[in-house]
Amino acid sequence: METVRRTLQIVFGLVPIVAGLDKFTNILVHWDRYLAPTVAQLIPMKPSAFMDVVAAFCLARLCAVAPSRVAARDGRLRHAEAR
């Protein structure tokens, strides 16, 4: 059971990183095609530039949240070991 849990933690950690980086490269998906045409007309930039901003935001959010999640997990592990 612990192997499955660890695998899911790794996958759910890597997917946002890969998706965020792919928004810059468009290797896996052409992300600007996912933008609704009405939204593309409303934003003051090209859809590809907008997706670059979205990618930067997603990666920054991931960098901000990941350390706290790791610290929380490590705290739970230390608490469990203390028992």
C-alpha atoms as a PDB file:
ATOM      1  CA  MET A   1       0.000   0.000   0.000  1.00  0.00           C
ATOM      2  CA  GLU A   2       2.883   2.350   0.770  1.00  0.00           C
ATOM      3  CA  THR A   3       4.308   1.763  -2.730  1.00  0.00           C
ATOM      4  CA  VAL A   4       1.036   2.840  -4.346  1.00  0.00           C
ATOM      5  CA  ARG A   5       0.852   5.926  -2.148  1.00  0.00           C
ATOM      6  CA  ARG A   6       4.427   6.929  -2.941  1.00  0.00           C
ATOM      7  CA  THR A   7       3.863   6.362  -6.675  1.00  0.00           C
ATOM      8  CA  LEU A   8       0.792   8.600  -6.610  1.00  0.00           C
ATOM      9  CA  GLN A   9       2.715  11.288  -4.730  1.00  0.00           C
ATOM     10  CA  ILE A  10       5.456  11.244  -7.364  1.00  0.00           C
ATOM     11  CA  VAL A  11       3.031  11.269 -10.285  1.00  0.00           C
ATOM     12  CA  PHE A  12       0.891  14.059  -8.828  1.00  0.00           C
ATOM     13  CA  GLY A  13       4.080  16.002  -8.172  1.00  0.00           C
ATOM     14  CA  LEU A  14       5.509  15.546 -11.661  1.00  0.00           C
ATOM     15  CA  VAL A  15       2.362  16.139 -13.716  1.00  0.00           C
ATOM     16  CA  PRO A  16       2.024  19.850 -12.804  1.00  0.00           C
ATOM     17  CA  ILE A  17       5.728  20.379 -13.485  1.00  0.00           C
ATOM     18  CA  VAL A  18       5.566  18.683 -16.890  1.00  0.00           C
ATOM     19  CA  ALA A  19       2.332  20.487 -17.813  1.00  0.00           C
ATOM     20  CA  GLY A  20       3.744  23.835 -16.701  1.00  0.00           C
ATOM     21  CA  LEU A  21       6.932  23.371 -18.694  1.00  0.00           C
ATOM     22  CA  ASP A  22       4.974  22.123 -21.700  1.00  0.00           C
ATOM     23  CA  LYS A  23       2.989  25.372 -21.764  1.00  0.00           C
ATOM     24  CA  PHE A  24       6.266  27.034 -22.810  1.00  0.00           C
ATOM     25  CA  THR A  25       7.318  24.397 -25.348  1.00  0.00           C
ATOM     26  CA  ASN A  26       3.992  23.036 -26.721  1.00  0.00           C
ATOM     27  CA  ILE A  27       5.575  19.618 -27.243  1.00  0.00           C
ATOM     28  CA  LEU A  28       2.762  17.560 -25.715  1.00  0.00           C
ATOM     29  CA  VAL A  29      -0.172  19.893 -26.326  1.00  0.00           C
ATOM     30  CA  HIS A  30      -0.733  23.173 -28.155  1.00  0.00           C
ATOM     31  CA  TRP A  31      -2.053  24.971 -25.092  1.00  0.00           C
ATOM     32  CA  ASP A  32      -3.123  28.151 -26.857  1.00  0.00           C
ATOM     33  CA  ARG A  33      -5.785  26.082 -28.658  1.00  0.00           C
ATOM     34  CA  TYR A  34      -7.414  25.380 -25.283  1.00  0.00           C
ATOM     35  CA  LEU A  35      -8.127  29.073 -24.841  1.00  0.00           C
ATOM     36  CA  ALA A  36     -11.728  29.924 -25.704  1.00  0.00           C
ATOM     37  CA  PRO A  37     -11.973  32.170 -28.797  1.00  0.00           C
ATOM     38  CA  THR A  38     -13.945  34.783 -26.856  1.00  0.00           C
ATOM     39  CA  VAL A  39     -11.248  34.912 -24.169  1.00  0.00           C
ATOM     40  CA  ALA A  40      -8.543  35.121 -26.849  1.00  0.00           C
ATOM     41  CA  GLN A  41     -10.286  38.194 -28.244  1.00  0.00           C
ATOM     42  CA  LEU A  42     -10.589  39.832 -24.815  1.00  0.00           C
ATOM     43  CA  ILE A  43      -6.983  39.502 -23.651  1.00  0.00           C
ATOM     44  CA  PRO A  44      -4.528  42.221 -24.730  1.00  0.00           C
ATOM     45  CA  MET A  45      -1.892  39.757 -26.002  1.00  0.00           C
ATOM     46  CA  LYS A  46      -1.428  36.753 -28.235  1.00  0.00           C
ATOM     47  CA  PRO A  47      -2.849  33.489 -26.875  1.00  0.00           C
ATOM     48  CA  SER A  48       0.629  31.929 -26.795  1.00  0.00           C
ATOM     49  CA  ALA A  49       1.937  34.831 -24.684  1.00  0.00           C
ATOM     50  CA  PHE A  50      -1.052  34.496 -22.357  1.00  0.00           C
ATOM     51  CA  MET A  51      -0.324  30.782 -21.911  1.00  0.00           C
ATOM     52  CA  ASP A  52       3.295  31.672 -21.088  1.00  0.00           C
ATOM     53  CA  VAL A  53       1.969  33.894 -18.287  1.00  0.00           C
ATOM     54  CA  VAL A  54      -0.306  31.078 -17.106  1.00  0.00           C
ATOM     55  CA  ALA A  55       2.642  28.648 -17.167  1.00  0.00           C
ATOM     56  CA  ALA A  56       4.821  31.015 -15.149  1.00  0.00           C
ATOM     57  CA  PHE A  57       2.015  31.427 -12.602  1.00  0.00           C
ATOM     58  CA  CYS A  58       1.487  27.649 -12.335  1.00  0.00           C
ATOM     59  CA  LEU A  59       5.195  26.962 -11.856  1.00  0.00           C
ATOM     60  CA  ALA A  60       5.527  29.770  -9.309  1.00  0.00           C
ATOM     61  CA  ARG A  61       2.526  28.437  -7.400  1.00  0.00           C
ATOM     62  CA  LEU A  62       4.028  24.957  -7.467  1.00  0.00           C
ATOM     63  CA  CYS A  63       7.350  26.281  -6.133  1.00  0.00           C
ATOM     64  CA  ALA A  64       5.504  28.101  -3.355  1.00  0.00           C
ATOM     65  CA  VAL A  65       3.290  25.182  -2.312  1.00  0.00           C
ATOM     66  CA  ALA A  66       5.647  22.230  -2.744  1.00  0.00           C
ATOM     67  CA  PRO A  67       8.040  23.102   0.108  1.00  0.00           C
ATOM     68  CA  SER A  68       5.179  23.463   2.580  1.00  0.00           C
ATOM     69  CA  ARG A  69       3.742  20.107   1.506  1.00  0.00           C
ATOM     70  CA  VAL A  70       7.142  18.444   1.892  1.00  0.00           C
ATOM     71  CA  ALA A  71       7.599  20.054   5.306  1.00  0.00           C
ATOM     72  CA  ALA A  72       4.127  18.914   6.368  1.00  0.00           C
ATOM     73  CA  ARG A  73       4.853  15.379   5.182  1.00  0.00           C
ATOM     74  CA  ASP A  74       8.204  15.349   6.996  1.00  0.00           C
ATOM     75  CA  GLY A  75       6.509  16.612  10.148  1.00  0.00           C
ATOM     76  CA  ARG A  76       3.955  13.802   9.969  1.00  0.00           C
ATOM     77  CA  LEU A  77       6.757  11.283   9.470  1.00  0.00           C
ATOM     78  CA  ARG A  78       8.698  12.593  12.481  1.00  0.00           C
ATOM     79  CA  HIS A  79       5.500  12.576  14.549  1.00  0.00           C
ATOM     80  CA  ALA A  80       4.805   8.959  13.557  1.00  0.00           C
ATOM     81  CA  GLU A  81       8.384   7.927  14.373  1.00  0.00           C
ATOM     82  CA  ALA A  82       8.124   9.513  17.823  1.00  0.00           C
ATOM     83  CA  ARG A  83       5.261   7.209  18.778  1.00  0.00           C
END
